[in-house]
Amino acid sequence: MDLALAIAVRQIESWESILERQLARIENSENMAKFKFLIPSVSALPGTRELFFESLSETQNRTKEPWVLEGLGYLHHPLRASEAVSMIRPSLELLEEIKQTGTIFFPKNWLDAILSGHNSKEAAQIVRTFLDSRPDYPGRLREKILQSADLLFRSVKVRVPDQVRRDENTLRTVRTSMTQVRAS
């Protein structure tokens, strides 16, 4: 099951037929239910993935927490992070409800599933803006957000700006050309 879903999120050739064949092979009803639950999270259609995410705002759709976390992982997969960045704020807005309706570790795992696939300045800014706009946000949830966003914040901080990278490449090209001219 996991391999079929991993292939689908990467949209490797024939991924749709692989999902169909995997679905036909599943005999265990619990595994069948899980697979059907996760299929929309790996869809190639952004609208289908958005509907999957929106369905998670309903408490009854979050009862199988491991399934939800796996689905969020596919939604926020690094290959899809640019499309999923719009789901970060609504995910953060659900956090207090997640804490009230889920198990003790669900809020932190929810945050990890949402933020671990992101490394963009835009994603980091969404998290910072969310926290800055809520100075009275519950302390433990604020800390969980900061813990889960730590690698995101660090990756944004250490990324070399594109212009600097282009300038370095230009400089490297000039040096190489000068070396070639001297050698000839």
N, C-alpha and C. Protein backbone atom coordinates (compact mmCIF):
# COMPACT_ATOMS: atom_id res chain seq x y z
N MET A 1 0.82 -1.19 0.00
CA MET A 1 0.00 0.00 0.00
C MET A 1 0.86 1.26 0.00
N ASP A 2 1.84 1.29 0.88
CA ASP A 2 2.68 2.48 1.01
C ASP A 2 3.41 2.79 -0.29
N LEU A 3 3.91 1.75 -0.94
CA LEU A 3 4.65 1.96 -2.18
C LEU A 3 3.73 2.54 -3.26
N ALA A 4 2.52 2.03 -3.36
CA ALA A 4 1.58 2.54 -4.37
C ALA A 4 1.28 4.01 -4.11
N LEU A 5 1.10 4.39 -2.86
CA LEU A 5 0.82 5.79 -2.52
C LEU A 5 2.05 6.67 -2.78
N ALA A 6 3.23 6.15 -2.48
CA ALA A 6 4.47 6.91 -2.74
C ALA A 6 4.66 7.13 -4.24
N ILE A 7 4.33 6.13 -5.03
CA ILE A 7 4.41 6.27 -6.49
C ILE A 7 3.40 7.31 -6.97
N ALA A 8 2.22 7.28 -6.39
CA ALA A 8 1.16 8.21 -6.81
C ALA A 8 1.53 9.66 -6.48
N VAL A 9 2.07 9.90 -5.29
CA VAL A 9 2.41 11.28 -4.93
C VAL A 9 3.51 11.82 -5.85
N ARG A 10 4.33 10.94 -6.38
CA ARG A 10 5.40 11.34 -7.29
C ARG A 10 4.94 11.35 -8.75
N GLN A 11 3.73 10.87 -8.99
CA GLN A 11 3.14 10.79 -10.33
C GLN A 11 4.05 10.06 -11.32
N ILE A 12 4.60 8.97 -10.85
CA ILE A 12 5.42 8.13 -11.70
C ILE A 12 4.51 7.46 -12.72
N GLU A 13 5.04 7.20 -13.89
CA GLU A 13 4.27 6.63 -14.99
C GLU A 13 3.34 5.51 -14.52
N SER A 14 2.11 5.57 -14.95
CA SER A 14 1.06 4.58 -14.65
C SER A 14 0.64 4.56 -13.19
N TRP A 15 0.85 5.65 -12.48
CA TRP A 15 0.52 5.69 -11.06
C TRP A 15 -0.96 5.43 -10.80
N GLU A 16 -1.83 5.90 -11.68
CA GLU A 16 -3.26 5.70 -11.47
C GLU A 16 -3.63 4.23 -11.54
N SER A 17 -3.08 3.53 -12.53
CA SER A 17 -3.40 2.10 -12.65
C SER A 17 -2.76 1.31 -11.50
N ILE A 18 -1.63 1.78 -11.00
CA ILE A 18 -1.00 1.12 -9.85
C ILE A 18 -1.90 1.24 -8.63
N LEU A 19 -2.49 2.41 -8.42
CA LEU A 19 -3.43 2.58 -7.30
C LEU A 19 -4.63 1.65 -7.47
N GLU A 20 -5.17 1.58 -8.68
CA GLU A 20 -6.33 0.72 -8.94
C GLU A 20 -5.99 -0.75 -8.68
N ARG A 21 -4.82 -1.19 -9.15
CA ARG A 21 -4.43 -2.59 -8.93
C ARG A 21 -4.20 -2.88 -7.46
N GLN A 22 -3.60 -1.92 -6.75
CA GLN A 22 -3.37 -2.11 -5.32
C GLN A 22 -4.70 -2.21 -4.58
N LEU A 23 -5.64 -1.35 -4.94
CA LEU A 23 -6.96 -1.37 -4.32
C LEU A 23 -7.65 -2.72 -4.54
N ALA A 24 -7.52 -3.26 -5.74
CA ALA A 24 -8.13 -4.56 -6.05
C ALA A 24 -7.48 -5.70 -5.27
N ARG A 25 -6.21 -5.55 -4.91
CA ARG A 25 -5.48 -6.61 -4.19
C ARG A 25 -5.74 -6.64 -2.68
N ILE A 26 -6.21 -5.55 -2.14
CA ILE A 26 -6.38 -5.47 -0.68
C ILE A 26 -7.57 -6.32 -0.25
N GLU A 27 -7.31 -7.21 0.68
CA GLU A 27 -8.37 -8.09 1.17
C GLU A 27 -8.86 -7.68 2.56
N ASN A 28 -8.01 -7.13 3.36
CA ASN A 28 -8.36 -6.72 4.72
C ASN A 28 -9.22 -5.46 4.66
N SER A 29 -10.37 -5.49 5.31
CA SER A 29 -11.31 -4.36 5.24
C SER A 29 -10.74 -3.09 5.86
N GLU A 30 -9.97 -3.22 6.93
CA GLU A 30 -9.35 -2.05 7.57
C GLU A 30 -8.33 -1.41 6.63
N ASN A 31 -7.51 -2.22 5.99
CA ASN A 31 -6.53 -1.71 5.03
C ASN A 31 -7.21 -1.08 3.82
N MET A 32 -8.32 -1.69 3.41
CA MET A 32 -9.09 -1.15 2.29
C MET A 32 -9.63 0.24 2.65
N ALA A 33 -10.17 0.38 3.84
CA ALA A 33 -10.72 1.67 4.29
C ALA A 33 -9.61 2.71 4.37
N LYS A 34 -8.46 2.32 4.89
CA LYS A 34 -7.33 3.25 4.99
C LYS A 34 -6.88 3.70 3.61
N PHE A 35 -6.74 2.77 2.69
CA PHE A 35 -6.28 3.09 1.34
C PHE A 35 -7.26 4.04 0.66
N LYS A 36 -8.55 3.76 0.77
CA LYS A 36 -9.57 4.63 0.17
C LYS A 36 -9.55 6.02 0.81
N PHE A 37 -9.28 6.07 2.11
CA PHE A 37 -9.19 7.34 2.81
C PHE A 37 -8.03 8.17 2.27
N LEU A 38 -6.90 7.52 2.00
CA LEU A 38 -5.67 8.22 1.60
C LEU A 38 -5.60 8.58 0.12
N ILE A 39 -6.32 7.89 -0.73
CA ILE A 39 -6.22 8.13 -2.18
C ILE A 39 -6.41 9.61 -2.55
N PRO A 40 -7.39 10.32 -2.00
CA PRO A 40 -7.52 11.74 -2.39
C PRO A 40 -6.30 12.59 -2.01
N SER A 41 -5.57 12.18 -0.98
CA SER A 41 -4.40 12.97 -0.55
C SER A 41 -3.23 12.87 -1.52
N VAL A 42 -3.24 11.89 -2.40
CA VAL A 42 -2.16 11.74 -3.39
C VAL A 42 -2.63 12.08 -4.80
N SER A 43 -3.83 12.57 -4.92
CA SER A 43 -4.38 12.90 -6.23
C SER A 43 -3.52 13.92 -6.96
N ALA A 44 -3.51 13.82 -8.28
CA ALA A 44 -2.80 14.81 -9.10
C ALA A 44 -3.59 16.11 -9.19
N LEU A 45 -4.86 16.05 -8.82
CA LEU A 45 -5.72 17.22 -8.93
C LEU A 45 -5.69 18.03 -7.63
N PRO A 46 -5.23 19.26 -7.68
CA PRO A 46 -5.18 20.08 -6.47
C PRO A 46 -6.54 20.21 -5.79
N GLY A 47 -7.61 20.29 -6.57
CA GLY A 47 -8.95 20.41 -6.00
C GLY A 47 -9.33 19.20 -5.16
N THR A 48 -8.95 18.03 -5.61
CA THR A 48 -9.23 16.80 -4.85
C THR A 48 -8.45 16.80 -3.54
N ARG A 49 -7.19 17.24 -3.61
CA ARG A 49 -6.38 17.31 -2.38
C ARG A 49 -6.95 18.35 -1.41
N GLU A 50 -7.43 19.47 -1.95
CA GLU A 50 -8.03 20.50 -1.10
C GLU A 50 -9.30 19.99 -0.42
N LEU A 51 -10.10 19.22 -1.16
CA LEU A 51 -11.31 18.64 -0.56
C LEU A 51 -10.95 17.66 0.55
N PHE A 52 -9.88 16.88 0.33
CA PHE A 52 -9.41 15.97 1.38
C PHE A 52 -9.06 16.77 2.63
N PHE A 53 -8.29 17.84 2.43
CA PHE A 53 -7.89 18.67 3.57
C PHE A 53 -9.11 19.27 4.26
N GLU A 54 -10.03 19.83 3.50
CA GLU A 54 -11.23 20.42 4.08
C GLU A 54 -12.04 19.41 4.87
N SER A 55 -12.03 18.17 4.43
CA SER A 55 -12.77 17.13 5.16
C SER A 55 -12.20 16.91 6.55
N LEU A 56 -10.94 17.23 6.74
CA LEU A 56 -10.30 17.04 8.05
C LEU A 56 -10.77 18.06 9.08
N SER A 57 -11.48 19.09 8.64
CA SER A 57 -12.02 20.05 9.60
C SER A 57 -13.20 19.45 10.38
N GLU A 58 -13.73 18.34 9.88
CA GLU A 58 -14.80 17.63 10.57
C GLU A 58 -14.19 16.60 11.52
N THR A 59 -14.57 16.68 12.78
CA THR A 59 -14.00 15.81 13.80
C THR A 59 -14.10 14.33 13.43
N GLN A 60 -15.23 13.91 12.89
CA GLN A 60 -15.42 12.48 12.56
C GLN A 60 -14.45 11.99 11.50
N ASN A 61 -13.86 12.91 10.72
CA ASN A 61 -12.89 12.51 9.70
C ASN A 61 -11.47 12.45 10.24
N ARG A 62 -11.31 12.74 11.52
CA ARG A 62 -9.98 12.69 12.15
C ARG A 62 -9.89 11.57 13.20
N THR A 63 -10.83 10.68 13.21
CA THR A 63 -10.83 9.65 14.26
C THR A 63 -9.67 8.67 14.12
N LYS A 64 -9.26 8.39 12.91
CA LYS A 64 -8.11 7.51 12.67
C LYS A 64 -6.87 8.40 12.51
N GLU A 65 -6.32 8.82 13.63
CA GLU A 65 -5.23 9.79 13.61
C GLU A 65 -4.03 9.37 12.77
N PRO A 66 -3.59 8.12 12.83
CA PRO A 66 -2.44 7.74 11.97
C PRO A 66 -2.75 7.91 10.48
N TRP A 67 -3.98 7.66 10.08
CA TRP A 67 -4.36 7.84 8.68
C TRP A 67 -4.31 9.33 8.32
N VAL A 68 -4.85 10.15 9.21
CA VAL A 68 -4.87 11.60 8.99
C VAL A 68 -3.44 12.12 8.83
N LEU A 69 -2.56 11.69 9.72
CA LEU A 69 -1.17 12.14 9.66
C LEU A 69 -0.49 11.70 8.38
N GLU A 70 -0.75 10.49 7.96
CA GLU A 70 -0.18 10.01 6.71
C GLU A 70 -0.70 10.83 5.52
N GLY A 71 -2.00 11.10 5.53
CA GLY A 71 -2.60 11.91 4.47
C GLY A 71 -2.02 13.32 4.45
N LEU A 72 -1.84 13.91 5.62
CA LEU A 72 -1.23 15.24 5.68
C LEU A 72 0.20 15.21 5.15
N GLY A 73 0.89 14.12 5.45
CA GLY A 73 2.26 13.97 4.94
C GLY A 73 2.29 13.97 3.42
N TYR A 74 1.30 13.32 2.80
CA TYR A 74 1.24 13.33 1.34
C TYR A 74 0.85 14.71 0.81
N LEU A 75 -0.10 15.36 1.48
CA LEU A 75 -0.50 16.71 1.05
C LEU A 75 0.68 17.68 1.07
N HIS A 76 1.49 17.57 2.13
CA HIS A 76 2.60 18.51 2.33
C HIS A 76 3.95 17.91 1.93
N HIS A 77 3.91 16.89 1.11
CA HIS A 77 5.14 16.26 0.62
C HIS A 77 6.00 17.34 -0.05
N PRO A 78 7.32 17.26 0.09
CA PRO A 78 8.18 18.28 -0.52
C PRO A 78 7.92 18.52 -2.01
N LEU A 79 7.51 17.50 -2.73
CA LEU A 79 7.20 17.68 -4.15
C LEU A 79 5.94 18.51 -4.37
N ARG A 80 5.12 18.60 -3.35
CA ARG A 80 3.87 19.33 -3.46
C ARG A 80 3.80 20.53 -2.51
N ALA A 81 4.89 20.85 -1.89
CA ALA A 81 4.90 21.90 -0.87
C ALA A 81 4.42 23.24 -1.41
N SER A 82 4.82 23.58 -2.63
CA SER A 82 4.41 24.88 -3.17
C SER A 82 2.90 24.96 -3.35
N GLU A 83 2.26 23.84 -3.63
CA GLU A 83 0.80 23.81 -3.78
C GLU A 83 0.11 23.72 -2.42
N ALA A 84 0.80 23.20 -1.43
CA ALA A 84 0.19 22.98 -0.11
C ALA A 84 0.40 24.14 0.85
N VAL A 85 1.21 25.11 0.46
CA VAL A 85 1.50 26.22 1.37
C VAL A 85 0.21 26.94 1.78
N SER A 86 -0.78 26.94 0.91
CA SER A 86 -2.05 27.61 1.23
C SER A 86 -2.83 26.88 2.33
N MET A 87 -2.45 25.65 2.62
CA MET A 87 -3.14 24.88 3.66
C MET A 87 -2.50 25.05 5.04
N ILE A 88 -1.38 25.73 5.12
CA ILE A 88 -0.69 25.86 6.40
C ILE A 88 -1.51 26.66 7.40
N ARG A 89 -1.95 27.84 7.01
CA ARG A 89 -2.70 28.68 7.96
C ARG A 89 -3.99 27.99 8.42
N PRO A 90 -4.82 27.45 7.51
CA PRO A 90 -6.02 26.75 7.99
C PRO A 90 -5.68 25.58 8.91
N SER A 91 -4.55 24.93 8.67
CA SER A 91 -4.13 23.83 9.54
C SER A 91 -3.79 24.34 10.93
N LEU A 92 -3.11 25.48 10.98
CA LEU A 92 -2.78 26.09 12.27
C LEU A 92 -4.05 26.55 12.99
N GLU A 93 -5.00 27.06 12.24
CA GLU A 93 -6.25 27.52 12.83
C GLU A 93 -7.06 26.37 13.44
N LEU A 94 -6.85 25.17 12.95
CA LEU A 94 -7.54 23.99 13.50
C LEU A 94 -6.87 23.43 14.75
N LEU A 95 -5.70 23.91 15.07
CA LEU A 95 -4.89 23.29 16.11
C LEU A 95 -5.57 23.22 17.47
N GLU A 96 -6.23 24.28 17.89
CA GLU A 96 -6.89 24.25 19.20
C GLU A 96 -7.99 23.19 19.24
N GLU A 97 -8.72 23.07 18.14
CA GLU A 97 -9.74 22.01 18.07
C GLU A 97 -9.10 20.63 18.06
N ILE A 98 -7.99 20.51 17.34
CA ILE A 98 -7.26 19.24 17.29
C ILE A 98 -6.86 18.83 18.71
N LYS A 99 -6.41 19.78 19.48
CA LYS A 99 -6.01 19.50 20.86
C LYS A 99 -7.20 19.02 21.70
N GLN A 100 -8.35 19.63 21.49
CA GLN A 100 -9.55 19.28 22.27
C GLN A 100 -10.13 17.93 21.88
N THR A 101 -10.02 17.59 20.61
CA THR A 101 -10.71 16.39 20.12
C THR A 101 -9.79 15.20 19.89
N GLY A 102 -8.48 15.42 19.89
CA GLY A 102 -7.55 14.33 19.58
C GLY A 102 -6.85 13.80 20.81
N THR A 103 -5.96 12.86 20.57
CA THR A 103 -5.17 12.29 21.66
C THR A 103 -4.06 13.26 22.05
N ILE A 104 -3.35 12.94 23.11
CA ILE A 104 -2.35 13.85 23.68
C ILE A 104 -1.24 14.23 22.70
N PHE A 105 -0.84 13.32 21.83
CA PHE A 105 0.26 13.60 20.91
C PHE A 105 -0.20 14.10 19.54
N PHE A 106 -1.49 14.12 19.31
CA PHE A 106 -2.00 14.48 17.99
C PHE A 106 -1.63 15.91 17.57
N PRO A 107 -1.75 16.91 18.43
CA PRO A 107 -1.40 18.27 17.98
C PRO A 107 0.04 18.39 17.46
N LYS A 108 1.00 17.84 18.18
CA LYS A 108 2.40 17.91 17.74
C LYS A 108 2.61 17.11 16.45
N ASN A 109 2.02 15.94 16.37
CA ASN A 109 2.15 15.14 15.16
C ASN A 109 1.46 15.80 13.97
N TRP A 110 0.33 16.47 14.23
CA TRP A 110 -0.38 17.23 13.20
C TRP A 110 0.55 18.31 12.64
N LEU A 111 1.18 19.06 13.52
CA LEU A 111 2.10 20.12 13.11
C LEU A 111 3.30 19.58 12.34
N ASP A 112 3.86 18.49 12.83
CA ASP A 112 5.01 17.88 12.15
C ASP A 112 4.63 17.46 10.73
N ALA A 113 3.46 16.85 10.59
CA ALA A 113 3.01 16.38 9.27
C ALA A 113 2.81 17.56 8.32
N ILE A 114 2.35 18.67 8.85
CA ILE A 114 2.09 19.84 8.02
C ILE A 114 3.37 20.56 7.64
N LEU A 115 4.26 20.74 8.56
CA LEU A 115 5.42 21.62 8.33
C LEU A 115 6.67 20.91 7.83
N SER A 116 6.77 19.61 8.01
CA SER A 116 8.02 18.93 7.67
C SER A 116 8.35 18.93 6.17
N GLY A 117 7.36 19.09 5.32
CA GLY A 117 7.64 19.09 3.88
C GLY A 117 7.97 20.46 3.32
N HIS A 118 7.95 21.47 4.16
CA HIS A 118 8.13 22.84 3.68
C HIS A 118 9.51 23.39 4.03
N ASN A 119 10.03 24.25 3.15
CA ASN A 119 11.28 24.95 3.44
C ASN A 119 11.31 26.34 2.80
N SER A 120 10.14 26.85 2.46
CA SER A 120 10.08 28.14 1.78
C SER A 120 9.93 29.30 2.76
N LYS A 121 10.38 30.45 2.30
CA LYS A 121 10.23 31.67 3.08
C LYS A 121 8.74 31.97 3.30
N GLU A 122 7.93 31.69 2.29
CA GLU A 122 6.49 31.92 2.39
C GLU A 122 5.86 31.08 3.51
N ALA A 123 6.24 29.81 3.58
CA ALA A 123 5.71 28.93 4.63
C ALA A 123 6.12 29.44 6.01
N ALA A 124 7.38 29.83 6.14
CA ALA A 124 7.86 30.34 7.43
C ALA A 124 7.12 31.62 7.81
N GLN A 125 6.87 32.46 6.84
CA GLN A 125 6.17 33.72 7.11
C GLN A 125 4.74 33.47 7.56
N ILE A 126 4.10 32.48 6.99
CA ILE A 126 2.73 32.14 7.40
C ILE A 126 2.71 31.73 8.87
N VAL A 127 3.66 30.92 9.27
CA VAL A 127 3.72 30.47 10.66
C VAL A 127 4.01 31.67 11.58
N ARG A 128 4.98 32.48 11.21
CA ARG A 128 5.32 33.65 12.04
C ARG A 128 4.13 34.62 12.15
N THR A 129 3.47 34.88 11.06
CA THR A 129 2.31 35.78 11.07
C THR A 129 1.19 35.21 11.94
N PHE A 130 0.99 33.91 11.83
CA PHE A 130 -0.04 33.27 12.66
C PHE A 130 0.27 33.50 14.14
N LEU A 131 1.49 33.25 14.53
CA LEU A 131 1.87 33.41 15.94
C LEU A 131 1.86 34.88 16.36
N ASP A 132 2.35 35.77 15.52
CA ASP A 132 2.39 37.19 15.85
C ASP A 132 0.99 37.79 16.00
N SER A 133 0.05 37.26 15.24
CA SER A 133 -1.32 37.80 15.29
C SER A 133 -2.11 37.25 16.47
N ARG A 134 -1.50 36.36 17.23
CA ARG A 134 -2.18 35.74 18.37
C ARG A 134 -1.27 35.77 19.60
N PRO A 135 -1.06 36.94 20.19
CA PRO A 135 -0.15 37.02 21.34
C PRO A 135 -0.66 36.24 22.55
N ASP A 136 -1.95 36.00 22.64
CA ASP A 136 -2.52 35.27 23.77
C ASP A 136 -2.80 33.80 23.46
N TYR A 137 -2.18 33.30 22.38
CA TYR A 137 -2.39 31.91 21.99
C TYR A 137 -1.88 31.00 23.11
N PRO A 138 -2.57 29.89 23.39
CA PRO A 138 -2.13 29.00 24.47
C PRO A 138 -0.64 28.65 24.38
N GLY A 139 0.06 28.84 25.49
CA GLY A 139 1.51 28.67 25.52
C GLY A 139 2.02 27.34 25.05
N ARG A 140 1.38 26.26 25.48
CA ARG A 140 1.87 24.92 25.07
C ARG A 140 1.70 24.68 23.58
N LEU A 141 0.59 25.19 23.03
CA LEU A 141 0.40 25.04 21.58
C LEU A 141 1.37 25.92 20.82
N ARG A 142 1.62 27.13 21.32
CA ARG A 142 2.61 28.01 20.70
C ARG A 142 3.97 27.31 20.67
N GLU A 143 4.34 26.70 21.78
CA GLU A 143 5.63 26.00 21.85
C GLU A 143 5.68 24.83 20.88
N LYS A 144 4.58 24.11 20.74
CA LYS A 144 4.54 23.00 19.79
C LYS A 144 4.72 23.51 18.36
N ILE A 145 4.08 24.63 18.05
CA ILE A 145 4.24 25.22 16.72
C ILE A 145 5.70 25.58 16.48
N LEU A 146 6.31 26.24 17.47
CA LEU A 146 7.70 26.64 17.32
C LEU A 146 8.63 25.42 17.19
N GLN A 147 8.34 24.35 17.93
CA GLN A 147 9.15 23.13 17.82
C GLN A 147 9.03 22.54 16.42
N SER A 148 7.81 22.44 15.94
CA SER A 148 7.60 21.83 14.63
C SER A 148 8.12 22.70 13.49
N ALA A 149 8.12 24.01 13.70
CA ALA A 149 8.57 24.94 12.66
C ALA A 149 10.06 25.21 12.72
N ASP A 150 10.74 24.68 13.70
CA ASP A 150 12.16 24.99 13.88
C ASP A 150 12.99 24.71 12.63
N LEU A 151 12.86 23.53 12.06
CA LEU A 151 13.64 23.21 10.85
C LEU A 151 13.24 24.08 9.67
N LEU A 152 11.96 24.41 9.60
CA LEU A 152 11.49 25.32 8.56
C LEU A 152 12.18 26.68 8.71
N PHE A 153 12.17 27.22 9.92
CA PHE A 153 12.80 28.52 10.17
C PHE A 153 14.30 28.45 9.88
N ARG A 154 14.95 27.37 10.28
CA ARG A 154 16.39 27.23 10.05
C ARG A 154 16.71 27.14 8.56
N SER A 155 15.89 26.36 7.83
CA SER A 155 16.17 26.19 6.40
C SER A 155 16.02 27.51 5.65
N VAL A 156 15.07 28.32 6.06
CA VAL A 156 14.89 29.62 5.41
C VAL A 156 16.06 30.53 5.74
N LYS A 157 16.53 30.45 6.96
CA LYS A 157 17.63 31.32 7.40
C LYS A 157 18.93 31.00 6.66
N VAL A 158 19.20 29.74 6.40
CA VAL A 158 20.49 29.37 5.79
C VAL A 158 20.46 29.32 4.27
N ARG A 159 19.30 29.42 3.69
CA ARG A 159 19.23 29.36 2.23
C ARG A 159 19.92 30.58 1.63
N VAL A 160 20.70 30.32 0.62
CA VAL A 160 21.39 31.40 -0.08
C VAL A 160 20.38 32.02 -1.05
N PRO A 161 20.22 33.33 -0.99
CA PRO A 161 19.28 33.96 -1.92
C PRO A 161 19.64 33.66 -3.37
N ASP A 162 18.63 33.53 -4.22
CA ASP A 162 18.84 33.19 -5.62
C ASP A 162 19.77 34.17 -6.32
N GLN A 163 19.65 35.46 -6.02
CA GLN A 163 20.50 36.46 -6.67
C GLN A 163 21.96 36.24 -6.31
N VAL A 164 22.23 35.93 -5.05
CA VAL A 164 23.61 35.65 -4.63
C VAL A 164 24.13 34.42 -5.37
N ARG A 165 23.29 33.39 -5.48
CA ARG A 165 23.70 32.17 -6.17
C ARG A 165 24.00 32.49 -7.64
N ARG A 166 23.15 33.29 -8.28
CA ARG A 166 23.39 33.66 -9.68
C ARG A 166 24.68 34.46 -9.81
N ASP A 167 24.90 35.39 -8.87
CA ASP A 167 26.12 36.19 -8.90
C ASP A 167 27.35 35.30 -8.73
N GLU A 168 27.27 34.31 -7.85
CA GLU A 168 28.40 33.40 -7.65
C GLU A 168 28.65 32.57 -8.91
N ASN A 169 27.58 32.14 -9.56
CA ASN A 169 27.74 31.37 -10.80
C ASN A 169 28.37 32.24 -11.89
N THR A 170 27.94 33.49 -11.97
CA THR A 170 28.52 34.42 -12.95
C THR A 170 30.00 34.62 -12.66
N LEU A 171 30.35 34.84 -11.41
CA LEU A 171 31.74 35.03 -11.01
C LEU A 171 32.56 33.79 -11.35
N ARG A 172 32.02 32.60 -11.07
CA ARG A 172 32.71 31.36 -11.37
C ARG A 172 32.95 31.23 -12.88
N THR A 173 31.98 31.60 -13.68
CA THR A 173 32.11 31.54 -15.14
C THR A 173 33.19 32.50 -15.63
N VAL A 174 33.20 33.70 -15.06
CA VAL A 174 34.22 34.69 -15.44
C VAL A 174 35.61 34.18 -15.07
N ARG A 175 35.75 33.61 -13.86
CA ARG A 175 37.06 33.08 -13.45
C ARG A 175 37.51 31.95 -14.37
N THR A 176 36.59 31.07 -14.73
CA THR A 176 36.92 29.96 -15.62
C THR A 176 37.36 30.49 -16.98
N SER A 177 36.66 31.49 -17.48
CA SER A 177 37.01 32.08 -18.79
C SER A 177 38.38 32.73 -18.72
N MET A 178 38.66 33.44 -17.62
CA MET A 178 39.96 34.09 -17.47
C MET A 178 41.07 33.06 -17.40
N THR A 179 40.84 31.97 -16.71
CA THR A 179 41.83 30.91 -16.60
C THR A 179 42.10 30.31 -17.96
N GLN A 180 41.06 30.11 -18.77
CA GLN A 180 41.22 29.56 -20.11
C GLN A 180 41.99 30.51 -21.02
N VAL A 181 41.72 31.82 -20.88
CA VAL A 181 42.40 32.81 -21.71
C VAL A 181 43.90 32.82 -21.35
N ARG A 182 44.21 32.76 -20.06
CA ARG A 182 45.62 32.76 -19.63
C ARG A 182 46.35 31.51 -20.12
N ALA A 183 45.63 30.39 -20.13
CA ALA A 183 46.24 29.14 -20.52
C ALA A 183 46.54 29.08 -22.03
N SER A 184 45.81 29.88 -22.80
CA SER A 184 46.01 29.79 -24.26
C SER A 184 47.01 30.75 -24.80
